[in-house]
Amino acid sequence: MKFRDDFRIGGPGDLSGFPKDPYILLSYVNTELRDRNLTLDGLCIEFDADRGAIERTLEDIGYVYDPNTDQFKPDPDGREPSC
């Protein structure tokens, strides 16, 4: 499987300090959101991360952000992951 690489370029506002594997990124982001009691916007501000890059990467594996629970969950529309 090949996933998007657009978050691998270093610099402020990207995901250079985050796990590169999308499934590990999913676990990492959901854990940080839960443990730090943050929203996705709050997490991106705290880590100077690109929200769009996180969302695109996790959408590629079939997960979307649920603002009601502040977690990434399987896409309720059932879109297939783009590999």
Protein backbone atom coordinates (compact mmCIF):
# COMPACT_ATOMS: atom_id res chain seq x y z
CA MET A 1 0.00 0.00 0.00
CA LYS A 2 1.18 3.51 -0.75
CA PHE A 3 -0.06 6.46 1.26
CA ARG A 4 0.32 10.18 0.73
CA ASP A 5 3.73 11.64 1.49
CA ASP A 6 2.72 15.31 1.52
CA PHE A 7 3.25 15.65 5.30
CA ARG A 8 6.88 14.48 5.21
CA ILE A 9 8.44 17.83 4.33
CA GLY A 10 9.90 19.51 7.42
CA GLY A 11 9.09 22.95 8.76
CA PRO A 12 6.54 24.78 10.93
CA GLY A 13 2.93 23.79 10.39
CA ASP A 14 3.66 20.37 8.91
CA LEU A 15 3.76 16.92 10.54
CA SER A 16 7.51 16.38 10.71
CA GLY A 17 7.38 15.55 14.43
CA PHE A 18 4.53 13.07 14.03
CA PRO A 19 4.59 9.36 13.19
CA LYS A 20 4.88 8.73 9.44
CA ASP A 21 2.80 5.55 9.37
CA PRO A 22 -0.87 6.59 9.04
CA TYR A 23 -2.15 3.93 11.46
CA ILE A 24 0.37 4.91 14.11
CA LEU A 25 -0.50 8.57 13.43
CA LEU A 26 -4.17 7.71 14.06
CA SER A 27 -3.34 6.16 17.42
CA TYR A 28 -0.96 8.96 18.36
CA VAL A 29 -3.37 11.78 17.48
CA ASN A 30 -6.35 10.15 19.19
CA THR A 31 -4.25 9.52 22.31
CA GLU A 32 -3.04 13.13 22.41
CA LEU A 33 -6.58 14.44 21.88
CA ARG A 34 -7.86 12.26 24.72
CA ASP A 35 -5.01 12.65 27.20
CA ARG A 36 -4.61 16.40 26.74
CA ASN A 37 -8.37 17.04 26.47
CA LEU A 38 -7.85 18.99 23.24
CA THR A 39 -9.80 19.65 20.08
CA LEU A 40 -8.07 19.02 16.77
CA ASP A 41 -7.52 22.76 16.37
CA GLY A 42 -6.01 22.93 19.87
CA LEU A 43 -3.69 20.02 19.12
CA CYS A 44 -2.55 21.65 15.88
CA ILE A 45 -1.83 24.92 17.68
CA GLU A 46 0.03 23.20 20.52
CA PHE A 47 2.18 21.10 18.16
CA ASP A 48 2.33 23.66 15.32
CA ALA A 49 0.91 20.99 13.01
CA ASP A 50 -1.01 21.23 9.75
CA ARG A 51 -4.63 20.21 10.42
CA GLY A 52 -5.27 19.57 6.72
CA ALA A 53 -2.30 17.21 6.48
CA ILE A 54 -3.54 15.22 9.49
CA GLU A 55 -7.07 15.01 8.10
CA ARG A 56 -5.95 14.06 4.57
CA THR A 57 -3.60 11.39 5.86
CA LEU A 58 -6.24 9.81 8.08
CA GLU A 59 -8.96 10.13 5.45
CA ASP A 60 -6.69 8.06 3.20
CA ILE A 61 -7.11 5.14 5.63
CA GLY A 62 -10.85 5.71 6.11
CA TYR A 63 -10.95 7.87 9.27
CA VAL A 64 -12.54 11.28 9.78
CA TYR A 65 -12.52 13.72 12.69
CA ASP A 66 -15.61 13.69 14.90
CA PRO A 67 -15.83 17.08 16.68
CA ASN A 68 -18.47 15.72 19.09
CA THR A 69 -15.98 13.29 20.62
CA ASP A 70 -12.73 14.99 19.54
CA GLN A 71 -11.50 11.71 18.03
CA PHE A 72 -10.84 10.30 14.60
CA LYS A 73 -13.32 7.52 13.84
CA PRO A 74 -14.11 5.29 10.88
CA ASP A 75 -15.82 7.28 8.14
CA PRO A 76 -19.60 6.89 8.70
CA ASP A 77 -20.17 7.26 4.94
CA GLY A 78 -18.09 4.15 4.44
CA ARG A 79 -15.72 5.65 1.89
CA GLU A 80 -13.00 3.22 0.90
CA PRO A 81 -9.45 4.18 1.92
CA SER A 82 -7.36 5.46 -0.99
CA CYS A 83 -4.23 3.33 -1.02
